[in-house]
Amino acid sequence: MIGAGIRRLRREHGETQQQLGEYLGYGATTVANYESGYRLPDLETFFEIALHYEAELTDFIRVHES
């Protein structure tokens, strides 16, 4: 669920996995792992992602509205 929220916010901001990874100091593979749910970001990284997108926790877990 968190990974899907990261993916949605990243896409809404027109960024690639590579661009978000560069911002965080990681590679695109790490972002892909977060988005797929294979790995979760640590709290510091999660906070950096939230700051980058000016997002709140609920923005990462809200269900996509059709």
PDB file of N, CA and C in Angstrom:
ATOM      1  N   MET A   1       0.823  -1.194   0.000  1.00  0.00           N
ATOM      2  CA  MET A   1       0.000   0.000   0.000  1.00  0.00           C
ATOM      3  C   MET A   1       0.867   1.258   0.000  1.00  0.00           C
ATOM      4  N   ILE A   2       1.912   1.292   0.817  1.00  0.00           N
ATOM      5  CA  ILE A   2       2.808   2.452   0.837  1.00  0.00           C
ATOM      6  C   ILE A   2       3.500   2.591  -0.508  1.00  0.00           C
ATOM      7  N   GLY A   3       3.937   1.464  -1.061  1.00  0.00           N
ATOM      8  CA  GLY A   3       4.631   1.492  -2.349  1.00  0.00           C
ATOM      9  C   GLY A   3       3.755   2.031  -3.465  1.00  0.00           C
ATOM     10  N   ALA A   4       2.501   1.632  -3.468  1.00  0.00           N
ATOM     11  CA  ALA A   4       1.568   2.134  -4.485  1.00  0.00           C
ATOM     12  C   ALA A   4       1.383   3.637  -4.329  1.00  0.00           C
ATOM     13  N   GLY A   5       1.387   4.115  -3.079  1.00  0.00           N
ATOM     14  CA  GLY A   5       1.268   5.555  -2.841  1.00  0.00           C
ATOM     15  C   GLY A   5       2.485   6.312  -3.342  1.00  0.00           C
ATOM     16  N   ILE A   6       3.669   5.742  -3.126  1.00  0.00           N
ATOM     17  CA  ILE A   6       4.892   6.373  -3.647  1.00  0.00           C
ATOM     18  C   ILE A   6       4.819   6.448  -5.163  1.00  0.00           C
ATOM     19  N   ARG A   7       4.422   5.342  -5.805  1.00  0.00           N
ATOM     20  CA  ARG A   7       4.313   5.309  -7.270  1.00  0.00           C
ATOM     21  C   ARG A   7       3.320   6.365  -7.765  1.00  0.00           C
ATOM     22  N   ARG A   8       2.150   6.416  -7.112  1.00  0.00           N
ATOM     23  CA  ARG A   8       1.120   7.363  -7.550  1.00  0.00           C
ATOM     24  C   ARG A   8       1.611   8.802  -7.422  1.00  0.00           C
ATOM     25  N   LEU A   9       2.200   9.142  -6.280  1.00  0.00           N
ATOM     26  CA  LEU A   9       2.686  10.508  -6.090  1.00  0.00           C
ATOM     27  C   LEU A   9       3.813  10.843  -7.058  1.00  0.00           C
ATOM     28  N   ARG A  10       4.702   9.886  -7.287  1.00  0.00           N
ATOM     29  CA  ARG A  10       5.815  10.114  -8.226  1.00  0.00           C
ATOM     30  C   ARG A  10       5.265  10.397  -9.622  1.00  0.00           C
ATOM     31  N   ARG A  11       4.309   9.594 -10.050  1.00  0.00           N
ATOM     32  CA  ARG A  11       3.718   9.787 -11.385  1.00  0.00           C
ATOM     33  C   ARG A  11       2.937  11.098 -11.475  1.00  0.00           C
ATOM     34  N   GLU A  12       2.201  11.436 -10.405  1.00  0.00           N
ATOM     35  CA  GLU A  12       1.450  12.694 -10.392  1.00  0.00           C
ATOM     36  C   GLU A  12       2.382  13.895 -10.542  1.00  0.00           C
ATOM     37  N   HIS A  13       3.609  13.756 -10.077  1.00  0.00           N
ATOM     38  CA  HIS A  13       4.599  14.830 -10.175  1.00  0.00           C
ATOM     39  C   HIS A  13       5.476  14.709 -11.419  1.00  0.00           C
ATOM     40  N   GLY A  14       5.156  13.755 -12.288  1.00  0.00           N
ATOM     41  CA  GLY A  14       5.852  13.624 -13.556  1.00  0.00           C
ATOM     42  C   GLY A  14       7.307  13.206 -13.434  1.00  0.00           C
ATOM     43  N   GLU A  15       7.631  12.467 -12.400  1.00  0.00           N
ATOM     44  CA  GLU A  15       9.000  12.019 -12.204  1.00  0.00           C
ATOM     45  C   GLU A  15       9.164  10.549 -12.559  1.00  0.00           C
ATOM     46  N   THR A  16      10.369  10.191 -12.949  1.00  0.00           N
ATOM     47  CA  THR A  16      10.710   8.796 -13.182  1.00  0.00           C
ATOM     48  C   THR A  16      11.263   8.206 -11.892  1.00  0.00           C
ATOM     49  N   GLN A  17      11.376   6.889 -11.876  1.00  0.00           N
ATOM     50  CA  GLN A  17      12.006   6.238 -10.725  1.00  0.00           C
ATOM     51  C   GLN A  17      13.452   6.713 -10.600  1.00  0.00           C
ATOM     52  N   GLN A  18      14.107   6.911 -11.726  1.00  0.00           N
ATOM     53  CA  GLN A  18      15.495   7.377 -11.714  1.00  0.00           C
ATOM     54  C   GLN A  18      15.600   8.764 -11.072  1.00  0.00           C
ATOM     55  N   GLN A  19      14.682   9.656 -11.413  1.00  0.00           N
ATOM     56  CA  GLN A  19      14.724  11.006 -10.860  1.00  0.00           C
ATOM     57  C   GLN A  19      14.486  11.006  -9.354  1.00  0.00           C
ATOM     58  N   LEU A  20      13.513  10.226  -8.893  1.00  0.00           N
ATOM     59  CA  LEU A  20      13.272  10.153  -7.455  1.00  0.00           C
ATOM     60  C   LEU A  20      14.472   9.520  -6.761  1.00  0.00           C
ATOM     61  N   GLY A  21      15.018   8.479  -7.363  1.00  0.00           N
ATOM     62  CA  GLY A  21      16.194   7.834  -6.794  1.00  0.00           C
ATOM     63  C   GLY A  21      17.360   8.791  -6.656  1.00  0.00           C
ATOM     64  N   GLU A  22      17.597   9.605  -7.678  1.00  0.00           N
ATOM     65  CA  GLU A  22      18.686  10.579  -7.623  1.00  0.00           C
ATOM     66  C   GLU A  22      18.450  11.594  -6.508  1.00  0.00           C
ATOM     67  N   TYR A  23      17.220  12.030  -6.347  1.00  0.00           N
ATOM     68  CA  TYR A  23      16.890  12.966  -5.275  1.00  0.00           C
ATOM     69  C   TYR A  23      17.211  12.355  -3.905  1.00  0.00           C
ATOM     70  N   LEU A  24      16.910  11.073  -3.769  1.00  0.00           N
ATOM     71  CA  LEU A  24      17.112  10.384  -2.489  1.00  0.00           C
ATOM     72  C   LEU A  24      18.544   9.899  -2.296  1.00  0.00           C
ATOM     73  N   GLY A  25      19.319   9.896  -3.378  1.00  0.00           N
ATOM     74  CA  GLY A  25      20.675   9.375  -3.302  1.00  0.00           C
ATOM     75  C   GLY A  25      20.734   7.875  -3.522  1.00  0.00           C
ATOM     76  N   TYR A  26      19.717   7.321  -4.174  1.00  0.00           N
ATOM     77  CA  TYR A  26      19.640   5.893  -4.469  1.00  0.00           C
ATOM     78  C   TYR A  26      19.450   5.709  -5.973  1.00  0.00           C
ATOM     79  N   GLY A  27      19.445   4.469  -6.394  1.00  0.00           N
ATOM     80  CA  GLY A  27      19.195   4.168  -7.799  1.00  0.00           C
ATOM     81  C   GLY A  27      17.721   3.905  -8.056  1.00  0.00           C
ATOM     82  N   ALA A  28      17.392   3.803  -9.333  1.00  0.00           N
ATOM     83  CA  ALA A  28      16.010   3.531  -9.733  1.00  0.00           C
ATOM     84  C   ALA A  28      15.540   2.181  -9.200  1.00  0.00           C
ATOM     85  N   THR A  29      16.450   1.223  -9.064  1.00  0.00           N
ATOM     86  CA  THR A  29      16.079  -0.100  -8.567  1.00  0.00           C
ATOM     87  C   THR A  29      15.540  -0.028  -7.150  1.00  0.00           C
ATOM     88  N   THR A  30      16.125   0.806  -6.321  1.00  0.00           N
ATOM     89  CA  THR A  30      15.642   0.958  -4.946  1.00  0.00           C
ATOM     90  C   THR A  30      14.227   1.515  -4.944  1.00  0.00           C
ATOM     91  N   VAL A  31      13.976   2.517  -5.768  1.00  0.00           N
ATOM     92  CA  VAL A  31      12.627   3.090  -5.861  1.00  0.00           C
ATOM     93  C   VAL A  31      11.660   2.028  -6.374  1.00  0.00           C
ATOM     94  N   ALA A  32      12.069   1.257  -7.379  1.00  0.00           N
ATOM     95  CA  ALA A  32      11.218   0.185  -7.907  1.00  0.00           C
ATOM     96  C   ALA A  32      10.886  -0.831  -6.812  1.00  0.00           C
ATOM     97  N   ASN A  33      11.864  -1.149  -5.962  1.00  0.00           N
ATOM     98  CA  ASN A  33      11.628  -2.077  -4.853  1.00  0.00           C
ATOM     99  C   ASN A  33      10.637  -1.505  -3.849  1.00  0.00           C
ATOM    100  N   TYR A  34      10.715  -0.207  -3.588  1.00  0.00           N
ATOM    101  CA  TYR A  34       9.744   0.439  -2.693  1.00  0.00           C
ATOM    102  C   TYR A  34       8.347   0.347  -3.298  1.00  0.00           C
ATOM    103  N   GLU A  35       8.245   0.684  -4.568  1.00  0.00           N
ATOM    104  CA  GLU A  35       6.941   0.742  -5.225  1.00  0.00           C
ATOM    105  C   GLU A  35       6.301  -0.635  -5.363  1.00  0.00           C
ATOM    106  N   SER A  36       7.112  -1.668  -5.534  1.00  0.00           N
ATOM    107  CA  SER A  36       6.571  -3.020  -5.678  1.00  0.00           C
ATOM    108  C   SER A  36       6.226  -3.656  -4.339  1.00  0.00           C
ATOM    109  N   GLY A  37       6.703  -3.034  -3.262  1.00  0.00           N
ATOM    110  CA  GLY A  37       6.476  -3.598  -1.945  1.00  0.00           C
ATOM    111  C   GLY A  37       7.532  -4.620  -1.539  1.00  0.00           C
ATOM    112  N   TYR A  38       8.521  -4.828  -2.394  1.00  0.00           N
ATOM    113  CA  TYR A  38       9.600  -5.758  -2.075  1.00  0.00           C
ATOM    114  C   TYR A  38      10.403  -5.265  -0.875  1.00  0.00           C
ATOM    115  N   ARG A  39      10.577  -3.953  -0.796  1.00  0.00           N
ATOM    116  CA  ARG A  39      11.248  -3.315   0.341  1.00  0.00           C
ATOM    117  C   ARG A  39      10.438  -2.098   0.744  1.00  0.00           C
ATOM    118  N   LEU A  40      10.589  -1.697   1.988  1.00  0.00           N
ATOM    119  CA  LEU A  40       9.984  -0.459   2.466  1.00  0.00           C
ATOM    120  C   LEU A  40      11.089   0.537   2.784  1.00  0.00           C
ATOM    121  N   PRO A  41      10.856   1.814   2.519  1.00  0.00           N
ATOM    122  CA  PRO A  41      11.867   2.809   2.887  1.00  0.00           C
ATOM    123  C   PRO A  41      11.970   2.919   4.401  1.00  0.00           C
ATOM    124  N   ASP A  42      13.169   3.228   4.892  1.00  0.00           N
ATOM    125  CA  ASP A  42      13.285   3.490   6.326  1.00  0.00           C
ATOM    126  C   ASP A  42      12.571   4.809   6.624  1.00  0.00           C
ATOM    127  N   LEU A  43      12.394   5.112   7.890  1.00  0.00           N
ATOM    128  CA  LEU A  43      11.617   6.296   8.260  1.00  0.00           C
ATOM    129  C   LEU A  43      12.214   7.590   7.724  1.00  0.00           C
ATOM    130  N   GLU A  44      13.529   7.703   7.750  1.00  0.00           N
ATOM    131  CA  GLU A  44      14.173   8.916   7.246  1.00  0.00           C
ATOM    132  C   GLU A  44      13.917   9.087   5.751  1.00  0.00           C
ATOM    133  N   THR A  45      14.037   8.013   5.000  1.00  0.00           N
ATOM    134  CA  THR A  45      13.792   8.072   3.557  1.00  0.00           C
ATOM    135  C   THR A  45      12.327   8.364   3.271  1.00  0.00           C
ATOM    136  N   PHE A  46      11.442   7.721   4.025  1.00  0.00           N
ATOM    137  CA  PHE A  46      10.015   7.967   3.856  1.00  0.00           C
ATOM    138  C   PHE A  46       9.700   9.436   4.109  1.00  0.00           C
ATOM    139  N   PHE A  47      10.308  10.011   5.140  1.00  0.00           N
ATOM    140  CA  PHE A  47      10.122  11.419   5.453  1.00  0.00           C
ATOM    141  C   PHE A  47      10.629  12.293   4.309  1.00  0.00           C
ATOM    142  N   GLU A  48      11.772  11.942   3.735  1.00  0.00           N
ATOM    143  CA  GLU A  48      12.323  12.710   2.608  1.00  0.00           C
ATOM    144  C   GLU A  48      11.394  12.656   1.399  1.00  0.00           C
ATOM    145  N   ILE A  49      10.809  11.501   1.139  1.00  0.00           N
ATOM    146  CA  ILE A  49       9.861  11.371   0.031  1.00  0.00           C
ATOM    147  C   ILE A  49       8.639  12.254   0.291  1.00  0.00           C
ATOM    148  N   ALA A  50       8.130  12.211   1.511  1.00  0.00           N
ATOM    149  CA  ALA A  50       6.969  13.030   1.859  1.00  0.00           C
ATOM    150  C   ALA A  50       7.275  14.519   1.705  1.00  0.00           C
ATOM    151  N   LEU A  51       8.443  14.948   2.166  1.00  0.00           N
ATOM    152  CA  LEU A  51       8.833  16.356   2.010  1.00  0.00           C
ATOM    153  C   LEU A  51       8.958  16.739   0.537  1.00  0.00           C
ATOM    154  N   HIS A  52       9.563  15.850  -0.230  1.00  0.00           N
ATOM    155  CA  HIS A  52       9.776  16.110  -1.662  1.00  0.00           C
ATOM    156  C   HIS A  52       8.452  16.365  -2.379  1.00  0.00           C
ATOM    157  N   TYR A  53       7.440  15.588  -2.031  1.00  0.00           N
ATOM    158  CA  TYR A  53       6.134  15.722  -2.678  1.00  0.00           C
ATOM    159  C   TYR A  53       5.150  16.562  -1.872  1.00  0.00           C
ATOM    160  N   GLU A  54       5.625  17.174  -0.779  1.00  0.00           N
ATOM    161  CA  GLU A  54       4.764  17.959   0.103  1.00  0.00           C
ATOM    162  C   GLU A  54       3.517  17.158   0.450  1.00  0.00           C
ATOM    163  N   ALA A  55       3.750  15.917   0.882  1.00  0.00           N
ATOM    164  CA  ALA A  55       2.672  14.967   1.135  1.00  0.00           C
ATOM    165  C   ALA A  55       2.554  14.660   2.620  1.00  0.00           C
ATOM    166  N   GLU A  56       1.397  14.154   2.981  1.00  0.00           N
ATOM    167  CA  GLU A  56       1.134  13.689   4.332  1.00  0.00           C
ATOM    168  C   GLU A  56       0.976  12.168   4.285  1.00  0.00           C
ATOM    169  N   LEU A  57       1.005  11.532   5.437  1.00  0.00           N
ATOM    170  CA  LEU A  57       0.884  10.081   5.503  1.00  0.00           C
ATOM    171  C   LEU A  57      -0.343   9.591   4.746  1.00  0.00           C
ATOM    172  N   THR A  58      -1.452  10.270   4.904  1.00  0.00           N
ATOM    173  CA  THR A  58      -2.683   9.836   4.239  1.00  0.00           C
ATOM    174  C   THR A  58      -2.559   9.868   2.722  1.00  0.00           C
ATOM    175  N   ASP A  59      -1.673  10.709   2.192  1.00  0.00           N
ATOM    176  CA  ASP A  59      -1.466  10.752   0.747  1.00  0.00           C
ATOM    177  C   ASP A  59      -0.843   9.455   0.231  1.00  0.00           C
ATOM    178  N   PHE A  60      -0.130   8.750   1.086  1.00  0.00           N
ATOM    179  CA  PHE A  60       0.519   7.510   0.680  1.00  0.00           C
ATOM    180  C   PHE A  60      -0.404   6.305   0.790  1.00  0.00           C
ATOM    181  N   ILE A  61      -1.453   6.428   1.570  1.00  0.00           N
ATOM    182  CA  ILE A  61      -2.310   5.267   1.785  1.00  0.00           C
ATOM    183  C   ILE A  61      -3.724   5.441   1.249  1.00  0.00           C
ATOM    184  N   ARG A  62      -4.025   6.585   0.684  1.00  0.00           N
ATOM    185  CA  ARG A  62      -5.395   6.775   0.203  1.00  0.00           C
ATOM    186  C   ARG A  62      -5.654   5.892  -1.007  1.00  0.00           C
ATOM    187  N   VAL A  63      -6.846   5.445  -1.106  1.00  0.00           N
ATOM    188  CA  VAL A  63      -7.262   4.593  -2.213  1.00  0.00           C
ATOM    189  C   VAL A  63      -7.473   5.471  -3.436  1.00  0.00           C
ATOM    190  N   HIS A  64      -7.027   4.971  -4.572  1.00  0.00           N
ATOM    191  CA  HIS A  64      -7.196   5.710  -5.825  1.00  0.00           C
ATOM    192  C   HIS A  64      -8.673   5.898  -6.110  1.00  0.00           C
ATOM    193  N   GLU A  65      -9.047   7.133  -6.383  1.00  0.00           N
ATOM    194  CA  GLU A  65     -10.442   7.438  -6.669  1.00  0.00           C
ATOM    195  C   GLU A  65     -10.661   7.400  -8.169  1.00  0.00           C
ATOM    196  N   SER A  66     -11.702   6.711  -8.592  1.00  0.00           N
ATOM    197  CA  SER A  66     -12.008   6.589 -10.028  1.00  0.00           C
ATOM    198  C   SER A  66     -12.831   7.743 -10.516  1.00  0.00           C
TER     199      SER A  66
END
